């Protein structure tokens, strides 16, 4: 009560000062009305406004628990970005993806020909800081004590803005990566061709089991066949026909050969599920925020 009256008195003094300065929006009548109503407090109305704008219970101390939830959310974003960029780094090492490489960008000071995924590496580095920030936030919250001391103020002033700015820098870099990401389709096709015989053997084991072959026996034969083929693959091209030449595969050979002739069949429902997610989940979620005419994210690397 006394705090509310004090706030009202401060507003009265402010209004009187503005009137003395000649500001026309403050009239003597308005100031007089403010003085008359200073102690007339409509508590139900105040509680209604506090519920609408703030927490159910208010105090003069900062409720750091709300800030912890913010830090948790930013850390979760960081973890998601780190997973994405780690995948990009691995796939770039395999030659399947290539993140955008700027005109004057240097991939390596020692090896000029290299195109290190430095943007993905930067995102992972920034994400790591965000992932570790909840521990710091929880320490701040748990050390508040009674009415809270000020030993957390400097830490809080660093943690919150640093986390927000780090997230912005990370997402800006990720946007730049997405806008310029290249799929090395020829390398992907080559890798798929190399792995097709072994993908086919997985199906062969399933079909052999359906034909009545003991699963353990099928697994043992296919395991031995696959390991031998992997050893040969280091020095020569391995063909599906050679892998399936054993009479053990007679009952499923034609089905396996037909399958490896259409590699897309190994993906199952991936394409339809992805398109459903994009059309029914992603686009409705970002529709109000996505601007197809916006300029691309530019980075100074």
C-alpha atoms as a PDB file:
ATOM      1  CA  UNK A   1       0.000   0.000   0.000  1.00  0.00           C
ATOM      2  CA  UNK A   2       2.658   2.515   1.045  1.00  0.00           C
ATOM      3  CA  UNK A   3       4.694   1.646  -2.043  1.00  0.00           C
ATOM      4  CA  UNK A   4       1.720   2.357  -4.308  1.00  0.00           C
ATOM      5  CA  UNK A   5       1.042   5.671  -2.575  1.00  0.00           C
ATOM      6  CA  UNK A   6       4.709   6.591  -2.930  1.00  0.00           C
ATOM      7  CA  UNK A   7       4.595   5.829  -6.656  1.00  0.00           C
ATOM      8  CA  UNK A   8       1.528   8.033  -7.035  1.00  0.00           C
ATOM      9  CA  UNK A   9       3.228  10.843  -5.118  1.00  0.00           C
ATOM     10  CA  UNK A  10       6.208  10.574  -7.465  1.00  0.00           C
ATOM     11  CA  UNK A  11       3.858  10.917 -10.448  1.00  0.00           C
ATOM     12  CA  UNK A  12       2.307  14.008  -8.822  1.00  0.00           C
ATOM     13  CA  UNK A  13       5.725  15.604  -8.313  1.00  0.00           C
ATOM     14  CA  UNK A  14       6.650  14.759 -11.898  1.00  0.00           C
ATOM     15  CA  UNK A  15       3.417  16.331 -13.161  1.00  0.00           C
ATOM     16  CA  UNK A  16       4.037  19.470 -11.095  1.00  0.00           C
ATOM     17  CA  UNK A  17       7.581  19.725 -12.471  1.00  0.00           C
ATOM     18  CA  UNK A  18       6.308  19.345 -16.036  1.00  0.00           C
ATOM     19  CA  UNK A  19       3.675  22.037 -15.395  1.00  0.00           C
ATOM     20  CA  UNK A  20       6.334  24.415 -14.033  1.00  0.00           C
ATOM     21  CA  UNK A  21       8.371  23.796 -17.192  1.00  0.00           C
ATOM     22  CA  UNK A  22       5.393  24.932 -19.258  1.00  0.00           C
ATOM     23  CA  UNK A  23       4.372  21.589 -20.778  1.00  0.00           C
ATOM     24  CA  UNK A  24       0.804  22.095 -21.961  1.00  0.00           C
ATOM     25  CA  UNK A  25      -0.353  18.469 -21.575  1.00  0.00           C
ATOM     26  CA  UNK A  26      -0.274  18.879 -17.767  1.00  0.00           C
ATOM     27  CA  UNK A  27      -3.004  21.135 -16.363  1.00  0.00           C
ATOM     28  CA  UNK A  28      -3.591  22.380 -12.788  1.00  0.00           C
ATOM     29  CA  UNK A  29      -6.943  20.563 -12.844  1.00  0.00           C
ATOM     30  CA  UNK A  30      -5.261  17.245 -13.679  1.00  0.00           C
ATOM     31  CA  UNK A  31      -2.700  17.717 -10.911  1.00  0.00           C
ATOM     32  CA  UNK A  32      -5.430  18.530  -8.404  1.00  0.00           C
ATOM     33  CA  UNK A  33      -7.359  15.408  -9.402  1.00  0.00           C
ATOM     34  CA  UNK A  34      -4.210  13.286  -8.984  1.00  0.00           C
ATOM     35  CA  UNK A  35      -3.761  14.654  -5.454  1.00  0.00           C
ATOM     36  CA  UNK A  36      -7.375  13.889  -4.538  1.00  0.00           C
ATOM     37  CA  UNK A  37      -7.071  10.297  -5.737  1.00  0.00           C
ATOM     38  CA  UNK A  38      -3.608   9.610  -4.311  1.00  0.00           C
ATOM     39  CA  UNK A  39      -4.856   7.451  -1.427  1.00  0.00           C
ATOM     40  CA  UNK A  40      -7.893   6.055  -3.256  1.00  0.00           C
ATOM     41  CA  UNK A  41      -6.543   2.672  -4.329  1.00  0.00           C
ATOM     42  CA  UNK A  42      -8.673   0.176  -6.272  1.00  0.00           C
ATOM     43  CA  UNK A  43      -6.903  -3.030  -5.213  1.00  0.00           C
ATOM     44  CA  UNK A  44      -9.071  -5.430  -7.284  1.00  0.00           C
ATOM     45  CA  UNK A  45      -8.259  -3.373 -10.380  1.00  0.00           C
ATOM     46  CA  UNK A  46      -4.560  -3.360  -9.499  1.00  0.00           C
ATOM     47  CA  UNK A  47      -4.538  -7.144  -9.034  1.00  0.00           C
ATOM     48  CA  UNK A  48      -6.254  -7.552 -12.386  1.00  0.00           C
ATOM     49  CA  UNK A  49      -3.620  -5.405 -14.112  1.00  0.00           C
ATOM     50  CA  UNK A  50      -0.775  -7.209 -12.338  1.00  0.00           C
ATOM     51  CA  UNK A  51      -2.116 -10.583 -13.481  1.00  0.00           C
ATOM     52  CA  UNK A  52      -2.323  -9.264 -17.020  1.00  0.00           C
ATOM     53  CA  UNK A  53       1.114  -7.674 -17.096  1.00  0.00           C
ATOM     54  CA  UNK A  54       3.257  -9.386 -14.477  1.00  0.00           C
ATOM     55  CA  UNK A  55       3.299 -12.301 -12.040  1.00  0.00           C
ATOM     56  CA  UNK A  56       0.596 -13.220  -9.526  1.00  0.00           C
ATOM     57  CA  UNK A  57       2.872 -12.172  -6.656  1.00  0.00           C
ATOM     58  CA  UNK A  58       5.091  -9.130  -6.995  1.00  0.00           C
ATOM     59  CA  UNK A  59       8.090  -7.945  -5.021  1.00  0.00           C
ATOM     60  CA  UNK A  60      10.834  -5.412  -5.411  1.00  0.00           C
ATOM     61  CA  UNK A  61      13.367  -8.202  -6.025  1.00  0.00           C
ATOM     62  CA  UNK A  62      14.016  -9.506  -9.506  1.00  0.00           C
ATOM     63  CA  UNK A  63      12.556 -12.987 -10.160  1.00  0.00           C
ATOM     64  CA  UNK A  64      15.541 -14.619 -11.853  1.00  0.00           C
ATOM     65  CA  UNK A  65      13.588 -17.849 -12.424  1.00  0.00           C
ATOM     66  CA  UNK A  66      12.006 -16.281 -15.510  1.00  0.00           C
ATOM     67  CA  UNK A  67      15.454 -15.482 -16.888  1.00  0.00           C
ATOM     68  CA  UNK A  68      16.519 -19.095 -16.337  1.00  0.00           C
ATOM     69  CA  UNK A  69      13.741 -20.212 -18.694  1.00  0.00           C
ATOM     70  CA  UNK A  70      15.075 -17.799 -21.313  1.00  0.00           C
ATOM     71  CA  UNK A  71      18.589 -19.215 -20.946  1.00  0.00           C
ATOM     72  CA  UNK A  72      17.187 -22.766 -21.210  1.00  0.00           C
ATOM     73  CA  UNK A  73      15.406 -21.865 -24.454  1.00  0.00           C
ATOM     74  CA  UNK A  74      18.542 -20.325 -25.967  1.00  0.00           C
ATOM     75  CA  UNK A  75      20.595 -23.342 -24.875  1.00  0.00           C
ATOM     76  CA  UNK A  76      18.098 -25.658 -26.587  1.00  0.00           C
ATOM     77  CA  UNK A  77      18.458 -23.625 -29.784  1.00  0.00           C
ATOM     78  CA  UNK A  78      22.228 -23.913 -29.441  1.00  0.00           C
ATOM     79  CA  UNK A  79      22.034 -27.693 -29.052  1.00  0.00           C
ATOM     80  CA  UNK A  80      19.858 -28.008 -32.166  1.00  0.00           C
ATOM     81  CA  UNK A  81      22.201 -25.815 -34.220  1.00  0.00           C
ATOM     82  CA  UNK A  82      25.255 -27.738 -33.008  1.00  0.00           C
ATOM     83  CA  UNK A  83      23.688 -31.010 -34.124  1.00  0.00           C
ATOM     84  CA  UNK A  84      22.849 -29.554 -37.555  1.00  0.00           C
ATOM     85  CA  UNK A  85      26.292 -28.053 -38.086  1.00  0.00           C
ATOM     86  CA  UNK A  86      28.088 -31.161 -36.837  1.00  0.00           C
ATOM     87  CA  UNK A  87      26.186 -33.144 -39.473  1.00  0.00           C
ATOM     88  CA  UNK A  88      27.195 -30.596 -42.113  1.00  0.00           C
ATOM     89  CA  UNK A  89      30.852 -30.863 -41.066  1.00  0.00           C
ATOM     90  CA  UNK A  90      30.770 -34.661 -41.268  1.00  0.00           C
ATOM     91  CA  UNK A  91      28.992 -34.672 -44.628  1.00  0.00           C
ATOM     92  CA  UNK A  92      31.397 -32.059 -46.007  1.00  0.00           C
ATOM     93  CA  UNK A  93      34.309 -34.265 -44.934  1.00  0.00           C
ATOM     94  CA  UNK A  94      32.637 -37.098 -46.864  1.00  0.00           C
ATOM     95  CA  UNK A  95      32.176 -34.819 -49.870  1.00  0.00           C
ATOM     96  CA  UNK A  96      28.371 -34.896 -49.848  1.00  0.00           C
ATOM     97  CA  UNK A  97      27.712 -31.299 -48.744  1.00  0.00           C
ATOM     98  CA  UNK A  98      29.592 -28.038 -49.166  1.00  0.00           C
ATOM     99  CA  UNK A  99      28.875 -24.949 -47.093  1.00  0.00           C
ATOM    100  CA  UNK A 100      29.154 -21.571 -48.882  1.00  0.00           C
ATOM    101  CA  UNK A 101      32.717 -20.424 -49.456  1.00  0.00           C
ATOM    102  CA  UNK A 102      33.205 -16.671 -49.872  1.00  0.00           C
ATOM    103  CA  UNK A 103      35.300 -15.200 -52.672  1.00  0.00           C
ATOM    104  CA  UNK A 104      38.184 -14.040 -50.455  1.00  0.00           C
ATOM    105  CA  UNK A 105      37.750 -16.685 -47.761  1.00  0.00           C
ATOM    106  CA  UNK A 106      40.851 -18.645 -46.706  1.00  0.00           C
ATOM    107  CA  UNK A 107      40.187 -22.287 -45.881  1.00  0.00           C
ATOM    108  CA  UNK A 108      43.585 -22.950 -44.339  1.00  0.00           C
ATOM    109  CA  UNK A 109      46.642 -20.760 -43.889  1.00  0.00           C
ATOM    110  CA  UNK A 110      48.933 -23.754 -44.409  1.00  0.00           C
ATOM    111  CA  UNK A 111      47.025 -25.577 -47.165  1.00  0.00           C
ATOM    112  CA  UNK A 112      45.508 -23.049 -49.610  1.00  0.00           C
ATOM    113  CA  UNK A 113      43.466 -25.685 -51.455  1.00  0.00           C
ATOM    114  CA  UNK A 114      41.358 -26.586 -48.419  1.00  0.00           C
ATOM    115  CA  UNK A 115      37.773 -25.480 -47.884  1.00  0.00           C
ATOM    116  CA  UNK A 116      37.274 -26.061 -44.195  1.00  0.00           C
ATOM    117  CA  UNK A 117      33.635 -25.701 -43.016  1.00  0.00           C
ATOM    118  CA  UNK A 118      34.598 -22.754 -40.826  1.00  0.00           C
ATOM    119  CA  UNK A 119      31.053 -21.361 -40.650  1.00  0.00           C
ATOM    120  CA  UNK A 120      29.684 -24.613 -39.285  1.00  0.00           C
ATOM    121  CA  UNK A 121      32.672 -24.768 -36.957  1.00  0.00           C
ATOM    122  CA  UNK A 122      31.871 -21.250 -35.751  1.00  0.00           C
ATOM    123  CA  UNK A 123      28.243 -22.194 -35.115  1.00  0.00           C
ATOM    124  CA  UNK A 124      29.355 -25.211 -33.081  1.00  0.00           C
ATOM    125  CA  UNK A 125      31.694 -23.020 -31.054  1.00  0.00           C
ATOM    126  CA  UNK A 126      28.981 -20.462 -30.275  1.00  0.00           C
ATOM    127  CA  UNK A 127      26.479 -23.233 -29.549  1.00  0.00           C
ATOM    128  CA  UNK A 128      28.845 -24.799 -27.037  1.00  0.00           C
ATOM    129  CA  UNK A 129      28.824 -21.569 -25.019  1.00  0.00           C
ATOM    130  CA  UNK A 130      25.019 -21.491 -25.046  1.00  0.00           C
ATOM    131  CA  UNK A 131      24.756 -25.153 -24.050  1.00  0.00           C
ATOM    132  CA  UNK A 132      26.858 -24.497 -20.950  1.00  0.00           C
ATOM    133  CA  UNK A 133      25.005 -21.309 -19.938  1.00  0.00           C
ATOM    134  CA  UNK A 134      22.092 -22.985 -18.041  1.00  0.00           C
ATOM    135  CA  UNK A 135      24.498 -24.164 -15.339  1.00  0.00           C
ATOM    136  CA  UNK A 136      25.567 -20.577 -14.776  1.00  0.00           C
ATOM    137  CA  UNK A 137      21.939 -19.419 -14.737  1.00  0.00           C
ATOM    138  CA  UNK A 138      20.970 -22.103 -12.228  1.00  0.00           C
ATOM    139  CA  UNK A 139      23.854 -21.100  -9.978  1.00  0.00           C
ATOM    140  CA  UNK A 140      22.626 -17.503 -10.036  1.00  0.00           C
ATOM    141  CA  UNK A 141      19.077 -18.605  -9.198  1.00  0.00           C
ATOM    142  CA  UNK A 142      20.063 -21.012  -6.425  1.00  0.00           C
ATOM    143  CA  UNK A 143      22.296 -18.443  -4.686  1.00  0.00           C
ATOM    144  CA  UNK A 144      19.599 -15.730  -4.465  1.00  0.00           C
ATOM    145  CA  UNK A 145      18.913 -16.340  -0.773  1.00  0.00           C
ATOM    146  CA  UNK A 146      16.123 -14.705   1.238  1.00  0.00           C
ATOM    147  CA  UNK A 147      15.601 -11.309  -0.386  1.00  0.00           C
ATOM    148  CA  UNK A 148      18.593 -11.744  -2.709  1.00  0.00           C
ATOM    149  CA  UNK A 149      21.915  -9.950  -2.553  1.00  0.00           C
ATOM    150  CA  UNK A 150      23.692  -8.085  -5.310  1.00  0.00           C
ATOM    151  CA  UNK A 151      26.468 -10.631  -5.872  1.00  0.00           C
ATOM    152  CA  UNK A 152      24.599 -11.878  -8.936  1.00  0.00           C
ATOM    153  CA  UNK A 153      24.044  -8.538 -10.633  1.00  0.00           C
ATOM    154  CA  UNK A 154      27.261  -8.366 -12.657  1.00  0.00           C
ATOM    155  CA  UNK A 155      26.932 -12.007 -13.669  1.00  0.00           C
ATOM    156  CA  UNK A 156      23.322 -11.531 -14.761  1.00  0.00           C
ATOM    157  CA  UNK A 157      24.176  -8.411 -16.757  1.00  0.00           C
ATOM    158  CA  UNK A 158      26.726 -10.457 -18.693  1.00  0.00           C
ATOM    159  CA  UNK A 159      24.843 -13.747 -19.017  1.00  0.00           C
ATOM    160  CA  UNK A 160      21.564 -12.528 -20.492  1.00  0.00           C
ATOM    161  CA  UNK A 161      22.833 -10.112 -23.176  1.00  0.00           C
ATOM    162  CA  UNK A 162      25.755 -12.398 -24.039  1.00  0.00           C
ATOM    163  CA  UNK A 163      23.398 -15.339 -24.530  1.00  0.00           C
ATOM    164  CA  UNK A 164      20.991 -13.338 -26.684  1.00  0.00           C
ATOM    165  CA  UNK A 165      23.755 -11.829 -28.836  1.00  0.00           C
ATOM    166  CA  UNK A 166      25.514 -15.191 -29.147  1.00  0.00           C
ATOM    167  CA  UNK A 167      22.262 -16.757 -30.351  1.00  0.00           C
ATOM    168  CA  UNK A 168      21.780 -13.982 -32.896  1.00  0.00           C
ATOM    169  CA  UNK A 169      25.316 -14.403 -34.263  1.00  0.00           C
ATOM    170  CA  UNK A 170      24.922 -18.179 -34.404  1.00  0.00           C
ATOM    171  CA  UNK A 171      21.565 -18.070 -36.210  1.00  0.00           C
ATOM    172  CA  UNK A 172      22.800 -15.419 -38.652  1.00  0.00           C
ATOM    173  CA  UNK A 173      25.721 -17.671 -39.539  1.00  0.00           C
ATOM    174  CA  UNK A 174      23.408 -20.672 -39.856  1.00  0.00           C
ATOM    175  CA  UNK A 175      21.128 -18.705 -42.184  1.00  0.00           C
ATOM    176  CA  UNK A 176      24.120 -17.877 -44.387  1.00  0.00           C
ATOM    177  CA  UNK A 177      25.034 -21.581 -44.471  1.00  0.00           C
ATOM    178  CA  UNK A 178      21.512 -22.662 -45.424  1.00  0.00           C
ATOM    179  CA  UNK A 179      21.224 -20.045 -48.152  1.00  0.00           C
ATOM    180  CA  UNK A 180      24.434 -21.220 -49.821  1.00  0.00           C
ATOM    181  CA  UNK A 181      24.541 -24.927 -48.960  1.00  0.00           C
ATOM    182  CA  UNK A 182      25.452 -27.118 -51.932  1.00  0.00           C
ATOM    183  CA  UNK A 183      24.673 -30.815 -52.313  1.00  0.00           C
ATOM    184  CA  UNK A 184      27.471 -32.626 -54.148  1.00  0.00           C
ATOM    185  CA  UNK A 185      25.100 -34.943 -56.017  1.00  0.00           C
ATOM    186  CA  UNK A 186      27.826 -36.759 -57.954  1.00  0.00           C
ATOM    187  CA  UNK A 187      29.675 -37.656 -54.768  1.00  0.00           C
ATOM    188  CA  UNK A 188      26.436 -38.727 -53.100  1.00  0.00           C
ATOM    189  CA  UNK A 189      25.678 -41.009 -56.057  1.00  0.00           C
ATOM    190  CA  UNK A 190      29.185 -42.492 -55.915  1.00  0.00           C
ATOM    191  CA  UNK A 191      28.938 -43.220 -52.193  1.00  0.00           C
ATOM    192  CA  UNK A 192      25.498 -44.784 -52.639  1.00  0.00           C
ATOM    193  CA  UNK A 193      26.846 -47.004 -55.424  1.00  0.00           C
ATOM    194  CA  UNK A 194      29.676 -48.152 -53.160  1.00  0.00           C
ATOM    195  CA  UNK A 195      27.280 -48.984 -50.336  1.00  0.00           C
ATOM    196  CA  UNK A 196      24.503 -50.534 -52.435  1.00  0.00           C
ATOM    197  CA  UNK A 197      25.826 -54.115 -52.235  1.00  0.00           C
ATOM    198  CA  UNK A 198      25.805 -53.975 -48.453  1.00  0.00           C
ATOM    199  CA  UNK A 199      22.390 -52.324 -48.305  1.00  0.00           C
ATOM    200  CA  UNK A 200      21.164 -55.113 -50.556  1.00  0.00           C
ATOM    201  CA  UNK A 201      22.534 -57.746 -48.195  1.00  0.00           C
ATOM    202  CA  UNK A 202      20.414 -56.341 -45.382  1.00  0.00           C
ATOM    203  CA  UNK A 203      17.300 -56.919 -47.475  1.00  0.00           C
ATOM    204  CA  UNK A 204      18.618 -60.341 -48.486  1.00  0.00           C
ATOM    205  CA  UNK A 205      18.692 -61.407 -44.840  1.00  0.00           C
ATOM    206  CA  UNK A 206      15.062 -60.329 -44.361  1.00  0.00           C
ATOM    207  CA  UNK A 207      13.894 -62.162 -47.460  1.00  0.00           C
ATOM    208  CA  UNK A 208      15.879 -65.301 -46.625  1.00  0.00           C
ATOM    209  CA  UNK A 209      14.169 -65.369 -43.245  1.00  0.00           C
ATOM    210  CA  UNK A 210      10.801 -65.062 -44.977  1.00  0.00           C
ATOM    211  CA  UNK A 211      11.811 -68.045 -47.143  1.00  0.00           C
ATOM    212  CA  UNK A 212      12.276 -70.132 -44.009  1.00  0.00           C
ATOM    213  CA  UNK A 213      16.048 -69.856 -43.538  1.00  0.00           C
ATOM    214  CA  UNK A 214      17.174 -69.689 -39.913  1.00  0.00           C
ATOM    215  CA  UNK A 215      17.890 -66.034 -39.113  1.00  0.00           C
ATOM    216  CA  UNK A 216      21.080 -66.766 -37.213  1.00  0.00           C
ATOM    217  CA  UNK A 217      22.423 -68.820 -40.106  1.00  0.00           C
ATOM    218  CA  UNK A 218      21.464 -66.100 -42.610  1.00  0.00           C
ATOM    219  CA  UNK A 219      23.126 -63.484 -40.426  1.00  0.00           C
ATOM    220  CA  UNK A 220      26.336 -65.515 -40.119  1.00  0.00           C
ATOM    221  CA  UNK A 221      26.627 -66.147 -43.877  1.00  0.00           C
ATOM    222  CA  UNK A 222      25.851 -62.523 -44.794  1.00  0.00           C
ATOM    223  CA  UNK A 223      28.242 -61.223 -42.155  1.00  0.00           C
ATOM    224  CA  UNK A 224      31.090 -63.316 -43.551  1.00  0.00           C
ATOM    225  CA  UNK A 225      30.186 -62.368 -47.129  1.00  0.00           C
ATOM    226  CA  UNK A 226      29.967 -58.646 -46.306  1.00  0.00           C
ATOM    227  CA  UNK A 227      33.278 -58.519 -44.430  1.00  0.00           C
ATOM    228  CA  UNK A 228      35.055 -60.275 -47.286  1.00  0.00           C
ATOM    229  CA  UNK A 229      33.509 -57.855 -49.793  1.00  0.00           C
ATOM    230  CA  UNK A 230      34.552 -54.859 -47.675  1.00  0.00           C
ATOM    231  CA  UNK A 231      38.113 -56.129 -47.699  1.00  0.00           C
ATOM    232  CA  UNK A 232      38.077 -56.437 -51.500  1.00  0.00           C
ATOM    233  CA  UNK A 233      36.480 -53.007 -51.881  1.00  0.00           C
ATOM    234  CA  UNK A 234      39.704 -51.378 -50.669  1.00  0.00           C
ATOM    235  CA  UNK A 235      41.460 -52.383 -53.922  1.00  0.00           C
ATOM    236  CA  UNK A 236      38.701 -53.085 -56.455  1.00  0.00           C
ATOM    237  CA  UNK A 237      35.086 -52.420 -57.370  1.00  0.00           C
ATOM    238  CA  UNK A 238      32.687 -54.846 -55.725  1.00  0.00           C
ATOM    239  CA  UNK A 239      29.634 -55.885 -57.755  1.00  0.00           C
ATOM    240  CA  UNK A 240      26.389 -57.220 -56.379  1.00  0.00           C
ATOM    241  CA  UNK A 241      26.561 -60.225 -58.703  1.00  0.00           C
ATOM    242  CA  UNK A 242      29.863 -61.313 -57.176  1.00  0.00           C
ATOM    243  CA  UNK A 243      28.556 -60.988 -53.632  1.00  0.00           C
ATOM    244  CA  UNK A 244      25.470 -63.082 -54.390  1.00  0.00           C
ATOM    245  CA  UNK A 245      27.210 -65.844 -56.367  1.00  0.00           C
ATOM    246  CA  UNK A 246      26.976 -68.253 -53.418  1.00  0.00           C
ATOM    247  CA  UNK A 247      24.100 -70.765 -53.966  1.00  0.00           C
ATOM    248  CA  UNK A 248      22.898 -69.767 -50.508  1.00  0.00           C
ATOM    249  CA  UNK A 249      21.343 -66.678 -52.131  1.00  0.00           C
ATOM    250  CA  UNK A 250      19.609 -68.485 -55.032  1.00  0.00           C
ATOM    251  CA  UNK A 251      16.094 -67.945 -53.668  1.00  0.00           C
ATOM    252  CA  UNK A 252      16.456 -64.171 -53.238  1.00  0.00           C
ATOM    253  CA  UNK A 253      19.104 -63.221 -55.810  1.00  0.00           C
ATOM    254  CA  UNK A 254      16.706 -61.845 -58.438  1.00  0.00           C
ATOM    255  CA  UNK A 255      14.781 -59.769 -55.886  1.00  0.00           C
ATOM    256  CA  UNK A 256      17.974 -58.259 -54.470  1.00  0.00           C
ATOM    257  CA  UNK A 257      19.343 -57.453 -57.934  1.00  0.00           C
ATOM    258  CA  UNK A 258      16.076 -55.737 -58.879  1.00  0.00           C
ATOM    259  CA  UNK A 259      16.187 -53.723 -55.672  1.00  0.00           C
ATOM    260  CA  UNK A 260      19.737 -52.410 -56.105  1.00  0.00           C
ATOM    261  CA  UNK A 261      18.857 -51.308 -59.639  1.00  0.00           C
ATOM    262  CA  UNK A 262      16.507 -48.749 -58.036  1.00  0.00           C
ATOM    263  CA  UNK A 263      18.413 -47.222 -55.090  1.00  0.00           C
ATOM    264  CA  UNK A 264      15.575 -44.784 -54.365  1.00  0.00           C
ATOM    265  CA  UNK A 265      13.551 -47.718 -53.002  1.00  0.00           C
ATOM    266  CA  UNK A 266      15.906 -47.901 -50.026  1.00  0.00           C
ATOM    267  CA  UNK A 267      14.633 -44.543 -48.783  1.00  0.00           C
ATOM    268  CA  UNK A 268      11.166 -45.894 -48.061  1.00  0.00           C
ATOM    269  CA  UNK A 269       8.720 -43.127 -47.105  1.00  0.00           C
ATOM    270  CA  UNK A 270      11.417 -40.527 -46.376  1.00  0.00           C
ATOM    271  CA  UNK A 271      10.466 -38.305 -49.315  1.00  0.00           C
ATOM    272  CA  UNK A 272       6.720 -38.296 -48.629  1.00  0.00           C
ATOM    273  CA  UNK A 273       7.215 -37.806 -44.889  1.00  0.00           C
ATOM    274  CA  UNK A 274       9.612 -34.915 -45.477  1.00  0.00           C
ATOM    275  CA  UNK A 275       7.252 -33.186 -47.910  1.00  0.00           C
ATOM    276  CA  UNK A 276       4.330 -33.674 -45.515  1.00  0.00           C
ATOM    277  CA  UNK A 277       6.341 -32.100 -42.694  1.00  0.00           C
ATOM    278  CA  UNK A 278       7.360 -29.147 -44.881  1.00  0.00           C
ATOM    279  CA  UNK A 279       3.845 -28.500 -46.193  1.00  0.00           C
ATOM    280  CA  UNK A 280       1.802 -29.245 -43.066  1.00  0.00           C
ATOM    281  CA  UNK A 281       4.150 -28.292 -40.234  1.00  0.00           C
ATOM    282  CA  UNK A 282       7.024 -26.055 -41.311  1.00  0.00           C
ATOM    283  CA  UNK A 283       5.380 -23.677 -43.778  1.00  0.00           C
ATOM    284  CA  UNK A 284       2.350 -22.911 -41.573  1.00  0.00           C
ATOM    285  CA  UNK A 285       4.700 -22.251 -38.642  1.00  0.00           C
ATOM    286  CA  UNK A 286       6.971 -19.824 -40.490  1.00  0.00           C
ATOM    287  CA  UNK A 287       4.442 -18.423 -42.948  1.00  0.00           C
ATOM    288  CA  UNK A 288       3.935 -15.159 -41.069  1.00  0.00           C
ATOM    289  CA  UNK A 289       7.677 -14.606 -40.698  1.00  0.00           C
ATOM    290  CA  UNK A 290       9.119 -15.861 -43.976  1.00  0.00           C
ATOM    291  CA  UNK A 291       9.964 -13.196 -46.542  1.00  0.00           C
ATOM    292  CA  UNK A 292      10.926 -14.680 -49.899  1.00  0.00           C
ATOM    293  CA  UNK A 293      12.040 -11.254 -51.107  1.00  0.00           C
ATOM    294  CA  UNK A 294      14.431 -10.598 -48.233  1.00  0.00           C
ATOM    295  CA  UNK A 295      18.115 -10.195 -48.962  1.00  0.00           C
ATOM    296  CA  UNK A 296      20.453 -13.053 -48.154  1.00  0.00           C
ATOM    297  CA  UNK A 297      22.512 -13.011 -44.981  1.00  0.00           C
ATOM    298  CA  UNK A 298      25.979 -11.595 -45.639  1.00  0.00           C
ATOM    299  CA  UNK A 299      28.941 -12.465 -43.423  1.00  0.00           C
ATOM    300  CA  UNK A 300      32.323 -10.812 -43.179  1.00  0.00           C
ATOM    301  CA  UNK A 301      34.640 -13.804 -42.873  1.00  0.00           C
END
